[in-house]
PDB file of N, CA and C in Angstrom:
ATOM      1  N   MET A   1     -14.090   8.690  -2.751  1.00  0.00           N
ATOM      2  CA  MET A   1     -13.353   9.650  -1.884  1.00  0.00           C
ATOM      3  C   MET A   1     -12.201   9.636  -1.857  1.00  0.00           C
ATOM      4  N   LEU A   2     -11.205  10.560  -1.982  1.00  0.00           N
ATOM      5  CA  LEU A   2      -9.629  10.538  -2.417  1.00  0.00           C
ATOM      6  C   LEU A   2      -9.394  10.599  -1.098  1.00  0.00           C
ATOM      7  N   SER A   3      -7.972  10.384  -0.896  1.00  0.00           N
ATOM      8  CA  SER A   3      -7.115  10.491   0.376  1.00  0.00           C
ATOM      9  C   SER A   3      -5.889  10.495   0.207  1.00  0.00           C
ATOM     10  N   ARG A   4      -5.120  11.217   0.784  1.00  0.00           N
ATOM     11  CA  ARG A   4      -3.501  10.631   0.603  1.00  0.00           C
ATOM     12  C   ARG A   4      -3.082   9.568   0.846  1.00  0.00           C
ATOM     13  N   ILE A   5      -3.562   8.813   2.046  1.00  0.00           N
ATOM     14  CA  ILE A   5      -3.409   7.783   2.694  1.00  0.00           C
ATOM     15  C   ILE A   5      -4.086   6.502   1.672  1.00  0.00           C
ATOM     16  N   LEU A   6      -3.370   5.278   1.441  1.00  0.00           N
ATOM     17  CA  LEU A   6      -4.204   4.189   0.940  1.00  0.00           C
ATOM     18  C   LEU A   6      -4.052   3.193   2.368  1.00  0.00           C
ATOM     19  N   PHE A   7      -5.113   2.575   2.299  1.00  0.00           N
ATOM     20  CA  PHE A   7      -5.046   1.043   3.287  1.00  0.00           C
ATOM     21  C   PHE A   7      -5.181  -0.167   2.333  1.00  0.00           C
ATOM     22  N   PHE A   8      -4.150  -0.902   2.597  1.00  0.00           N
ATOM     23  CA  PHE A   8      -4.191  -2.140   1.817  1.00  0.00           C
ATOM     24  C   PHE A   8      -4.466  -3.324   2.649  1.00  0.00           C
ATOM     25  N   VAL A   9      -5.451  -3.894   2.658  1.00  0.00           N
ATOM     26  CA  VAL A   9      -5.694  -5.223   3.800  1.00  0.00           C
ATOM     27  C   VAL A   9      -5.753  -6.509   3.477  1.00  0.00           C
ATOM     28  N   GLN A  10      -5.805  -6.782   2.491  1.00  0.00           N
ATOM     29  CA  GLN A  10      -6.008  -8.538   1.735  1.00  0.00           C
ATOM     30  C   GLN A  10      -4.461  -8.694   1.188  1.00  0.00           C
ATOM     31  N   ASN A  11      -4.199  -9.911   1.469  1.00  0.00           N
ATOM     32  CA  ASN A  11      -3.057 -10.857   0.592  1.00  0.00           C
ATOM     33  C   ASN A  11      -1.842 -10.410   0.908  1.00  0.00           C
ATOM     34  N   ILE A  12      -1.311  -9.606   1.784  1.00  0.00           N
ATOM     35  CA  ILE A  12       0.237  -8.979   1.926  1.00  0.00           C
ATOM     36  C   ILE A  12       0.409 -10.749   2.742  1.00  0.00           C
ATOM     37  N   PRO A  13       1.429 -11.171   2.359  1.00  0.00           N
ATOM     38  CA  PRO A  13       1.739 -12.450   3.148  1.00  0.00           C
ATOM     39  C   PRO A  13       2.407 -11.900   4.560  1.00  0.00           C
ATOM     40  N   GLU A  14       2.228 -12.405   5.497  1.00  0.00           N
ATOM     41  CA  GLU A  14       2.331 -12.339   7.009  1.00  0.00           C
ATOM     42  C   GLU A  14       4.171 -12.139   6.909  1.00  0.00           C
ATOM     43  N   ASP A  15       4.886 -13.069   6.322  1.00  0.00           N
ATOM     44  CA  ASP A  15       6.379 -12.694   6.570  1.00  0.00           C
ATOM     45  C   ASP A  15       7.068 -11.758   5.636  1.00  0.00           C
ATOM     46  N   THR A  16       6.195 -10.822   4.887  1.00  0.00           N
ATOM     47  CA  THR A  16       6.660 -10.064   4.086  1.00  0.00           C
ATOM     48  C   THR A  16       7.587  -8.566   5.096  1.00  0.00           C
ATOM     49  N   ASP A  17       8.503  -8.586   4.475  1.00  0.00           N
ATOM     50  CA  ASP A  17       9.356  -7.573   5.172  1.00  0.00           C
ATOM     51  C   ASP A  17       8.826  -5.966   5.189  1.00  0.00           C
ATOM     52  N   LYS A  18       8.960  -5.219   5.850  1.00  0.00           N
ATOM     53  CA  LYS A  18       8.343  -3.867   5.577  1.00  0.00           C
ATOM     54  C   LYS A  18       9.119  -2.885   4.446  1.00  0.00           C
ATOM     55  N   SER A  19      10.531  -3.670   4.635  1.00  0.00           N
ATOM     56  CA  SER A  19      11.608  -2.986   3.458  1.00  0.00           C
ATOM     57  C   SER A  19      10.869  -3.366   1.727  1.00  0.00           C
ATOM     58  N   ILE A  20      10.393  -4.514   1.803  1.00  0.00           N
ATOM     59  CA  ILE A  20       9.590  -4.740   0.583  1.00  0.00           C
ATOM     60  C   ILE A  20       8.567  -4.040  -0.077  1.00  0.00           C
ATOM     61  N   LEU A  21       7.805  -3.516   1.439  1.00  0.00           N
ATOM     62  CA  LEU A  21       6.493  -2.777   0.926  1.00  0.00           C
ATOM     63  C   LEU A  21       7.067  -1.555   0.539  1.00  0.00           C
ATOM     64  N   ASP A  22       8.001  -0.812   1.512  1.00  0.00           N
ATOM     65  CA  ASP A  22       8.839   0.548   1.044  1.00  0.00           C
ATOM     66  C   ASP A  22       9.095   0.690  -0.320  1.00  0.00           C
ATOM     67  N   PHE A  23      10.010  -0.615  -0.977  1.00  0.00           N
ATOM     68  CA  PHE A  23      10.418  -0.624  -2.150  1.00  0.00           C
ATOM     69  C   PHE A  23       9.485  -0.736  -3.440  1.00  0.00           C
ATOM     70  N   LEU A  24       8.158  -1.244  -2.705  1.00  0.00           N
ATOM     71  CA  LEU A  24       7.234  -1.373  -3.731  1.00  0.00           C
ATOM     72  C   LEU A  24       6.675   0.049  -4.160  1.00  0.00           C
ATOM     73  N   PHE A  25       6.316   0.706  -2.777  1.00  0.00           N
ATOM     74  CA  PHE A  25       5.596   1.891  -2.820  1.00  0.00           C
ATOM     75  C   PHE A  25       6.346   3.097  -3.430  1.00  0.00           C
ATOM     76  N   GLN A  26       7.784   3.249  -3.006  1.00  0.00           N
ATOM     77  CA  GLN A  26       8.630   4.202  -3.311  1.00  0.00           C
ATOM     78  C   GLN A  26       8.796   4.411  -4.756  1.00  0.00           C
ATOM     79  N   GLN A  27       8.462   3.663  -5.344  1.00  0.00           N
ATOM     80  CA  GLN A  27       8.702   3.584  -6.956  1.00  0.00           C
ATOM     81  C   GLN A  27       7.958   4.816  -7.627  1.00  0.00           C
ATOM     82  N   PHE A  28       6.748   4.994  -6.706  1.00  0.00           N
ATOM     83  CA  PHE A  28       5.658   6.149  -7.359  1.00  0.00           C
ATOM     84  C   PHE A  28       6.208   7.699  -6.638  1.00  0.00           C
ATOM     85  N   PRO A  29       6.203   8.697  -7.613  1.00  0.00           N
ATOM     86  CA  PRO A  29       6.226  10.148  -6.922  1.00  0.00           C
ATOM     87  C   PRO A  29       5.625  10.201  -6.100  1.00  0.00           C
ATOM     88  N   GLY A  30       6.327  10.732  -4.818  1.00  0.00           N
ATOM     89  CA  GLY A  30       5.438  11.448  -3.789  1.00  0.00           C
ATOM     90  C   GLY A  30       4.964  10.547  -2.647  1.00  0.00           C
ATOM     91  N   PHE A  31       5.734   9.364  -2.398  1.00  0.00           N
ATOM     92  CA  PHE A  31       5.885   8.388  -1.257  1.00  0.00           C
ATOM     93  C   PHE A  31       6.291   9.342  -0.231  1.00  0.00           C
ATOM     94  N   VAL A  32       5.759   9.019   0.750  1.00  0.00           N
ATOM     95  CA  VAL A  32       5.871   9.740   2.278  1.00  0.00           C
ATOM     96  C   VAL A  32       6.393   8.617   3.229  1.00  0.00           C
ATOM     97  N   GLU A  33       5.708   7.669   3.451  1.00  0.00           N
ATOM     98  CA  GLU A  33       5.826   6.505   4.281  1.00  0.00           C
ATOM     99  C   GLU A  33       4.509   5.203   4.363  1.00  0.00           C
ATOM    100  N   CYS A  34       5.409   4.193   4.747  1.00  0.00           N
ATOM    101  CA  CYS A  34       4.763   3.025   4.885  1.00  0.00           C
ATOM    102  C   CYS A  34       4.449   2.594   6.127  1.00  0.00           C
ATOM    103  N   ARG A  35       3.417   2.314   6.518  1.00  0.00           N
ATOM    104  CA  ARG A  35       3.454   1.750   8.376  1.00  0.00           C
ATOM    105  C   ARG A  35       2.563   0.794   8.469  1.00  0.00           C
ATOM    106  N   VAL A  36       3.279  -0.600   8.831  1.00  0.00           N
ATOM    107  CA  VAL A  36       2.535  -1.959   8.919  1.00  0.00           C
ATOM    108  C   VAL A  36       2.013  -1.747  10.584  1.00  0.00           C
ATOM    109  N   LEU A  37       0.828  -2.293  10.569  1.00  0.00           N
ATOM    110  CA  LEU A  37       0.081  -2.178  11.720  1.00  0.00           C
ATOM    111  C   LEU A  37       0.647  -3.116  12.500  1.00  0.00           C
ATOM    112  N   PRO A  38       1.011  -2.803  14.212  1.00  0.00           N
ATOM    113  CA  PRO A  38       1.720  -3.709  14.780  1.00  0.00           C
ATOM    114  C   PRO A  38       0.692  -4.950  15.175  1.00  0.00           C
ATOM    115  N   GLY A  39       0.998  -6.065  14.992  1.00  0.00           N
ATOM    116  CA  GLY A  39       0.513  -7.160  15.358  1.00  0.00           C
ATOM    117  C   GLY A  39      -0.640  -7.757  14.323  1.00  0.00           C
ATOM    118  N   LYS A  40      -0.615  -6.792  13.116  1.00  0.00           N
ATOM    119  CA  LYS A  40      -1.383  -7.157  11.931  1.00  0.00           C
ATOM    120  C   LYS A  40      -0.651  -7.038  10.789  1.00  0.00           C
ATOM    121  N   GLY A  41       0.398  -7.897  10.416  1.00  0.00           N
ATOM    122  CA  GLY A  41       1.464  -7.885   9.269  1.00  0.00           C
ATOM    123  C   GLY A  41       0.746  -7.901   7.968  1.00  0.00           C
ATOM    124  N   THR A  42      -0.457  -8.177   8.231  1.00  0.00           N
ATOM    125  CA  THR A  42      -1.109  -8.141   6.655  1.00  0.00           C
ATOM    126  C   THR A  42      -1.591  -7.022   6.272  1.00  0.00           C
ATOM    127  N   MET A  43      -1.895  -6.070   6.964  1.00  0.00           N
ATOM    128  CA  MET A  43      -2.320  -4.555   6.723  1.00  0.00           C
ATOM    129  C   MET A  43      -1.364  -3.507   7.042  1.00  0.00           C
ATOM    130  N   ALA A  44      -1.188  -2.445   5.918  1.00  0.00           N
ATOM    131  CA  ALA A  44      -0.410  -1.415   6.664  1.00  0.00           C
ATOM    132  C   ALA A  44      -0.919   0.049   5.671  1.00  0.00           C
ATOM    133  N   PHE A  45      -0.754   0.900   6.292  1.00  0.00           N
ATOM    134  CA  PHE A  45      -1.103   2.126   5.626  1.00  0.00           C
ATOM    135  C   PHE A  45       0.220   2.814   4.785  1.00  0.00           C
ATOM    136  N   VAL A  46      -0.117   3.356   3.492  1.00  0.00           N
ATOM    137  CA  VAL A  46       1.079   3.918   2.778  1.00  0.00           C
ATOM    138  C   VAL A  46       0.409   5.491   2.578  1.00  0.00           C
ATOM    139  N   GLU A  47       1.172   6.351   2.635  1.00  0.00           N
ATOM    140  CA  GLU A  47       0.974   7.705   2.573  1.00  0.00           C
ATOM    141  C   GLU A  47       1.791   8.271   1.291  1.00  0.00           C
ATOM    142  N   TYR A  48       0.922   9.283   0.721  1.00  0.00           N
ATOM    143  CA  TYR A  48       1.522  10.196  -0.481  1.00  0.00           C
ATOM    144  C   TYR A  48       1.597  11.329  -0.361  1.00  0.00           C
ATOM    145  N   GLU A  49       2.303  12.232  -0.759  1.00  0.00           N
ATOM    146  CA  GLU A  49       2.243  13.784  -0.570  1.00  0.00           C
ATOM    147  C   GLU A  49       0.687  14.306  -1.009  1.00  0.00           C
ATOM    148  N   ASN A  50      -0.099  13.693  -2.130  1.00  0.00           N
ATOM    149  CA  ASN A  50      -1.357  14.276  -2.540  1.00  0.00           C
ATOM    150  C   ASN A  50      -2.267  13.403  -3.167  1.00  0.00           C
ATOM    151  N   GLU A  51      -3.488  13.541  -3.159  1.00  0.00           N
ATOM    152  CA  GLU A  51      -4.620  12.697  -3.458  1.00  0.00           C
ATOM    153  C   GLU A  51      -4.269  12.238  -5.112  1.00  0.00           C
ATOM    154  N   GLU A  52      -3.726  13.185  -6.180  1.00  0.00           N
ATOM    155  CA  GLU A  52      -3.434  12.462  -7.481  1.00  0.00           C
ATOM    156  C   GLU A  52      -2.329  11.639  -7.371  1.00  0.00           C
ATOM    157  N   GLN A  53      -1.198  11.664  -6.500  1.00  0.00           N
ATOM    158  CA  GLN A  53      -0.208  10.721  -6.334  1.00  0.00           C
ATOM    159  C   GLN A  53      -1.007   9.218  -5.770  1.00  0.00           C
ATOM    160  N   SER A  54      -1.591   9.265  -4.783  1.00  0.00           N
ATOM    161  CA  SER A  54      -2.176   8.156  -4.384  1.00  0.00           C
ATOM    162  C   SER A  54      -2.893   7.289  -5.375  1.00  0.00           C
ATOM    163  N   GLY A  55      -3.762   8.381  -6.120  1.00  0.00           N
ATOM    164  CA  GLY A  55      -4.802   7.916  -7.357  1.00  0.00           C
ATOM    165  C   GLY A  55      -3.810   7.163  -8.298  1.00  0.00           C
ATOM    166  N   THR A  56      -2.670   7.703  -8.669  1.00  0.00           N
ATOM    167  CA  THR A  56      -1.997   6.610  -9.568  1.00  0.00           C
ATOM    168  C   THR A  56      -1.563   5.359  -8.783  1.00  0.00           C
ATOM    169  N   VAL A  57      -1.091   5.185  -7.737  1.00  0.00           N
ATOM    170  CA  VAL A  57      -0.808   4.220  -6.932  1.00  0.00           C
ATOM    171  C   VAL A  57      -1.720   3.306  -6.911  1.00  0.00           C
ATOM    172  N   LEU A  58      -3.050   3.995  -6.510  1.00  0.00           N
ATOM    173  CA  LEU A  58      -4.021   3.092  -6.634  1.00  0.00           C
ATOM    174  C   LEU A  58      -4.098   2.177  -7.740  1.00  0.00           C
ATOM    175  N   SER A  59      -4.653   2.881  -8.890  1.00  0.00           N
ATOM    176  CA  SER A  59      -4.832   2.546 -10.331  1.00  0.00           C
ATOM    177  C   SER A  59      -3.930   1.340 -10.850  1.00  0.00           C
ATOM    178  N   GLN A  60      -2.237   1.812 -10.567  1.00  0.00           N
ATOM    179  CA  GLN A  60      -1.318   0.940 -10.586  1.00  0.00           C
ATOM    180  C   GLN A  60      -1.074  -0.484 -10.004  1.00  0.00           C
ATOM    181  N   LEU A  61      -1.367  -0.153  -8.513  1.00  0.00           N
ATOM    182  CA  LEU A  61      -0.904  -1.359  -7.923  1.00  0.00           C
ATOM    183  C   LEU A  61      -2.043  -2.436  -7.533  1.00  0.00           C
ATOM    184  N   ASN A  62      -3.411  -1.978  -7.274  1.00  0.00           N
ATOM    185  CA  ASN A  62      -4.292  -2.473  -6.791  1.00  0.00           C
ATOM    186  C   ASN A  62      -4.633  -3.976  -7.564  1.00  0.00           C
ATOM    187  N   GLY A  63      -4.279  -4.833  -6.860  1.00  0.00           N
ATOM    188  CA  GLY A  63      -4.310  -6.364  -7.526  1.00  0.00           C
ATOM    189  C   GLY A  63      -3.024  -6.858  -7.866  1.00  0.00           C
ATOM    190  N   PHE A  64      -1.818  -5.840  -7.243  1.00  0.00           N
ATOM    191  CA  PHE A  64      -0.643  -6.535  -7.815  1.00  0.00           C
ATOM    192  C   PHE A  64      -0.069  -7.543  -7.009  1.00  0.00           C
ATOM    193  N   GLU A  65       0.404  -8.818  -7.948  1.00  0.00           N
ATOM    194  CA  GLU A  65       0.875 -10.071  -7.334  1.00  0.00           C
ATOM    195  C   GLU A  65       2.100  -9.696  -6.906  1.00  0.00           C
ATOM    196  N   ILE A  66       2.033  -9.746  -5.370  1.00  0.00           N
ATOM    197  CA  ILE A  66       3.211  -9.506  -4.441  1.00  0.00           C
ATOM    198  C   ILE A  66       4.139 -10.891  -4.466  1.00  0.00           C
ATOM    199  N   GLU A  67       3.180 -11.995  -4.588  1.00  0.00           N
ATOM    200  CA  GLU A  67       3.808 -13.485  -4.311  1.00  0.00           C
ATOM    201  C   GLU A  67       2.956 -14.151  -5.233  1.00  0.00           C
ATOM    202  N   ASP A  68       3.397 -15.184  -5.692  1.00  0.00           N
ATOM    203  CA  ASP A  68       2.597 -16.121  -6.595  1.00  0.00           C
ATOM    204  C   ASP A  68       1.117 -16.329  -5.767  1.00  0.00           C
ATOM    205  N   ASP A  69      -0.085 -15.908  -6.355  1.00  0.00           N
ATOM    206  CA  ASP A  69      -1.410 -16.167  -6.311  1.00  0.00           C
ATOM    207  C   ASP A  69      -1.763 -15.196  -5.106  1.00  0.00           C
ATOM    208  N   ARG A  70      -0.578 -14.022  -4.701  1.00  0.00           N
ATOM    209  CA  ARG A  70      -1.226 -13.396  -3.468  1.00  0.00           C
ATOM    210  C   ARG A  70      -1.219 -11.759  -4.149  1.00  0.00           C
ATOM    211  N   ARG A  71      -2.407 -11.402  -4.476  1.00  0.00           N
ATOM    212  CA  ARG A  71      -2.704  -9.986  -5.078  1.00  0.00           C
ATOM    213  C   ARG A  71      -3.266  -9.241  -3.979  1.00  0.00           C
ATOM    214  N   ILE A  72      -2.521  -7.950  -3.841  1.00  0.00           N
ATOM    215  CA  ILE A  72      -2.844  -7.116  -2.478  1.00  0.00           C
ATOM    216  C   ILE A  72      -3.819  -6.125  -3.026  1.00  0.00           C
ATOM    217  N   THR A  73      -4.714  -6.094  -2.272  1.00  0.00           N
ATOM    218  CA  THR A  73      -5.846  -5.069  -2.413  1.00  0.00           C
ATOM    219  C   THR A  73      -5.927  -3.689  -1.670  1.00  0.00           C
ATOM    220  N   ILE A  74      -5.714  -2.507  -2.618  1.00  0.00           N
ATOM    221  CA  ILE A  74      -5.693  -1.548  -2.037  1.00  0.00           C
ATOM    222  C   ILE A  74      -6.974  -0.528  -2.290  1.00  0.00           C
ATOM    223  N   GLN A  75      -7.173   0.137  -0.964  1.00  0.00           N
ATOM    224  CA  GLN A  75      -8.437   1.211  -1.000  1.00  0.00           C
ATOM    225  C   GLN A  75      -8.056   2.336   0.057  1.00  0.00           C
ATOM    226  N   TYR A  76      -8.786   3.236  -0.323  1.00  0.00           N
ATOM    227  CA  TYR A  76      -8.480   4.427   0.384  1.00  0.00           C
ATOM    228  C   TYR A  76      -8.880   4.398   1.706  1.00  0.00           C
ATOM    229  N   ALA A  77      -8.138   4.837   2.613  1.00  0.00           N
ATOM    230  CA  ALA A  77      -8.413   4.837   4.191  1.00  0.00           C
ATOM    231  C   ALA A  77      -9.443   5.806   4.274  1.00  0.00           C
ATOM    232  N   LYS A  78     -10.286   5.678   5.402  1.00  0.00           N
ATOM    233  CA  LYS A  78     -11.114   6.796   5.445  1.00  0.00           C
ATOM    234  C   LYS A  78     -10.491   7.736   6.307  1.00  0.00           C
ATOM    235  N   LYS A  79     -10.959   8.868   5.940  1.00  0.00           N
ATOM    236  CA  LYS A  79     -10.477  10.241   6.594  1.00  0.00           C
ATOM    237  C   LYS A  79     -11.092  10.519   8.113  1.00  0.00           C
TER     238      LYS A  79
END
């Protein structure tokens, strides 16, 4: 199921600043915004303009090592 919004849930270090996530995801065309869930600093929603762009990000960053031995997991958000 394709979606413009990616939901990544695992292994974002709790002390990761939103600006770091913005920097990571802004590198890809179509970036709209990154929203860290209040009280759940290890989860965030990232939105792109279309499904093709979000699919590219999913294939490029799923498993990305954001910190030593901390790989983020990205999956599509439910519509």
